[in-house]
Amino acid sequence: MMRDQERCPHCGRRLVTTRFDTTFRLPDDSERLCFGIPGSLCEDCHQLYVDPGLIELLDLGTGRCVFAIQSDSVMQQEAWSPAD
């Protein structure tokens, strides 16, 4: 089950924290795929928030996230977890 951490700085709605598979477009128009990135997604405005330190560590500071989807590993884990 996903857990709610904080509120969206843009709209104030709740954020859902999980892991995402993402695509970042860099200034030279190349793209970088990143798998299992921890982040938070706003349920309403669909903005993805990732720790700025992680962005710098991955050298994506000049990139723009153009695609994000909940990681398959999270989905598989949830599918195999016993129901509460």
C-alpha atoms as a PDB file:
ATOM      1  CA  MET A   1       0.000   0.000   0.000  1.00  0.00           C
ATOM      2  CA  MET A   2       1.273   3.492  -0.811  1.00  0.00           C
ATOM      3  CA  ARG A   3       1.603   5.900   2.028  1.00  0.00           C
ATOM      4  CA  ASP A   4       0.893   9.600   2.071  1.00  0.00           C
ATOM      5  CA  GLN A   5       3.777  11.788   3.221  1.00  0.00           C
ATOM      6  CA  GLU A   6       3.266  15.479   2.645  1.00  0.00           C
ATOM      7  CA  ARG A   7       1.187  18.006   0.805  1.00  0.00           C
ATOM      8  CA  CYS A   8       1.746  19.336  -2.699  1.00  0.00           C
ATOM      9  CA  PRO A   9       3.439  22.753  -2.591  1.00  0.00           C
ATOM     10  CA  HIS A  10       1.415  23.786  -5.651  1.00  0.00           C
ATOM     11  CA  CYS A  11      -2.164  22.830  -4.726  1.00  0.00           C
ATOM     12  CA  GLY A  12      -1.917  21.639  -1.114  1.00  0.00           C
ATOM     13  CA  ARG A  13      -3.401  18.201  -1.863  1.00  0.00           C
ATOM     14  CA  ARG A  14      -1.933  14.971  -0.589  1.00  0.00           C
ATOM     15  CA  LEU A  15       1.172  13.374  -2.090  1.00  0.00           C
ATOM     16  CA  VAL A  16       1.522   9.634  -2.614  1.00  0.00           C
ATOM     17  CA  THR A  17       5.020   8.289  -1.997  1.00  0.00           C
ATOM     18  CA  THR A  18       6.294   5.302  -3.993  1.00  0.00           C
ATOM     19  CA  ARG A  19       8.947   4.419  -6.601  1.00  0.00           C
ATOM     20  CA  PHE A  20       8.782   5.508 -10.230  1.00  0.00           C
ATOM     21  CA  ASP A  21      10.376   4.539 -13.526  1.00  0.00           C
ATOM     22  CA  THR A  22      11.148   7.829 -15.251  1.00  0.00           C
ATOM     23  CA  THR A  23      12.462   9.420 -18.424  1.00  0.00           C
ATOM     24  CA  PHE A  24      14.404  12.679 -18.186  1.00  0.00           C
ATOM     25  CA  ARG A  25      15.067  14.820 -21.268  1.00  0.00           C
ATOM     26  CA  LEU A  26      18.428  16.597 -21.148  1.00  0.00           C
ATOM     27  CA  PRO A  27      19.278  19.949 -22.789  1.00  0.00           C
ATOM     28  CA  ASP A  28      20.964  18.172 -25.743  1.00  0.00           C
ATOM     29  CA  ASP A  29      17.617  16.394 -26.416  1.00  0.00           C
ATOM     30  CA  SER A  30      18.986  13.037 -25.271  1.00  0.00           C
ATOM     31  CA  GLU A  31      16.908  11.063 -22.785  1.00  0.00           C
ATOM     32  CA  ARG A  32      17.905   9.162 -19.661  1.00  0.00           C
ATOM     33  CA  LEU A  33      15.841   6.349 -18.194  1.00  0.00           C
ATOM     34  CA  CYS A  34      15.887   5.889 -14.426  1.00  0.00           C
ATOM     35  CA  PHE A  35      14.243   2.949 -12.709  1.00  0.00           C
ATOM     36  CA  GLY A  36      12.893   2.731  -9.159  1.00  0.00           C
ATOM     37  CA  ILE A  37      13.345   6.412  -8.309  1.00  0.00           C
ATOM     38  CA  PRO A  38      11.754   7.244  -4.937  1.00  0.00           C
ATOM     39  CA  GLY A  39       9.375  10.162  -5.237  1.00  0.00           C
ATOM     40  CA  SER A  40       6.009  11.663  -4.376  1.00  0.00           C
ATOM     41  CA  LEU A  41       3.154  12.283  -6.795  1.00  0.00           C
ATOM     42  CA  CYS A  42       0.336  14.787  -6.321  1.00  0.00           C
ATOM     43  CA  GLU A  43      -3.014  13.047  -6.747  1.00  0.00           C
ATOM     44  CA  ASP A  44      -4.602  16.150  -8.278  1.00  0.00           C
ATOM     45  CA  CYS A  45      -2.094  18.154 -10.330  1.00  0.00           C
ATOM     46  CA  HIS A  46       0.011  15.045 -11.161  1.00  0.00           C
ATOM     47  CA  GLN A  47       3.293  16.797 -10.317  1.00  0.00           C
ATOM     48  CA  LEU A  48       6.167  14.453  -9.419  1.00  0.00           C
ATOM     49  CA  TYR A  49       8.496  15.478  -6.600  1.00  0.00           C
ATOM     50  CA  VAL A  50      11.948  13.882  -6.297  1.00  0.00           C
ATOM     51  CA  ASP A  51      14.600  14.727  -3.692  1.00  0.00           C
ATOM     52  CA  PRO A  52      16.845  17.440  -5.212  1.00  0.00           C
ATOM     53  CA  GLY A  53      19.897  15.672  -3.762  1.00  0.00           C
ATOM     54  CA  LEU A  54      19.003  12.533  -5.707  1.00  0.00           C
ATOM     55  CA  ILE A  55      18.542  14.571  -8.887  1.00  0.00           C
ATOM     56  CA  GLU A  56      22.040  16.006  -8.446  1.00  0.00           C
ATOM     57  CA  LEU A  57      23.511  12.589  -7.575  1.00  0.00           C
ATOM     58  CA  LEU A  58      22.074  11.189 -10.821  1.00  0.00           C
ATOM     59  CA  ASP A  59      23.382  14.240 -12.719  1.00  0.00           C
ATOM     60  CA  LEU A  60      19.880  15.187 -13.878  1.00  0.00           C
ATOM     61  CA  GLY A  61      19.898  18.776 -12.613  1.00  0.00           C
ATOM     62  CA  THR A  62      19.607  20.198 -16.118  1.00  0.00           C
ATOM     63  CA  GLY A  63      17.071  17.586 -17.227  1.00  0.00           C
ATOM     64  CA  ARG A  64      13.301  17.660 -17.254  1.00  0.00           C
ATOM     65  CA  CYS A  65      11.149  14.696 -16.281  1.00  0.00           C
ATOM     66  CA  VAL A  66       8.933  13.960 -19.278  1.00  0.00           C
ATOM     67  CA  PHE A  67       7.508  10.603 -18.192  1.00  0.00           C
ATOM     68  CA  ALA A  68       6.979   8.774 -14.897  1.00  0.00           C
ATOM     69  CA  ILE A  69       5.047   5.647 -14.030  1.00  0.00           C
ATOM     70  CA  GLN A  70       4.845   3.627 -10.844  1.00  0.00           C
ATOM     71  CA  SER A  71       7.664   1.096 -10.912  1.00  0.00           C
ATOM     72  CA  ASP A  72       6.797  -2.465 -11.953  1.00  0.00           C
ATOM     73  CA  SER A  73       8.702  -3.751  -8.914  1.00  0.00           C
ATOM     74  CA  VAL A  74       6.321  -1.821  -6.640  1.00  0.00           C
ATOM     75  CA  MET A  75       3.313  -3.130  -8.559  1.00  0.00           C
ATOM     76  CA  GLN A  76       4.613  -6.718  -8.351  1.00  0.00           C
ATOM     77  CA  GLN A  77       5.303  -6.333  -4.638  1.00  0.00           C
ATOM     78  CA  GLU A  78       1.766  -5.063  -4.022  1.00  0.00           C
ATOM     79  CA  ALA A  79       0.288  -7.897  -6.094  1.00  0.00           C
ATOM     80  CA  TRP A  80       2.091 -10.545  -4.036  1.00  0.00           C
ATOM     81  CA  SER A  81       1.462  -8.944  -0.628  1.00  0.00           C
ATOM     82  CA  PRO A  82      -1.264 -10.574   1.487  1.00  0.00           C
ATOM     83  CA  ALA A  83      -4.429  -8.491   1.694  1.00  0.00           C
ATOM     84  CA  ASP A  84      -5.014  -6.632   4.951  1.00  0.00           C
END
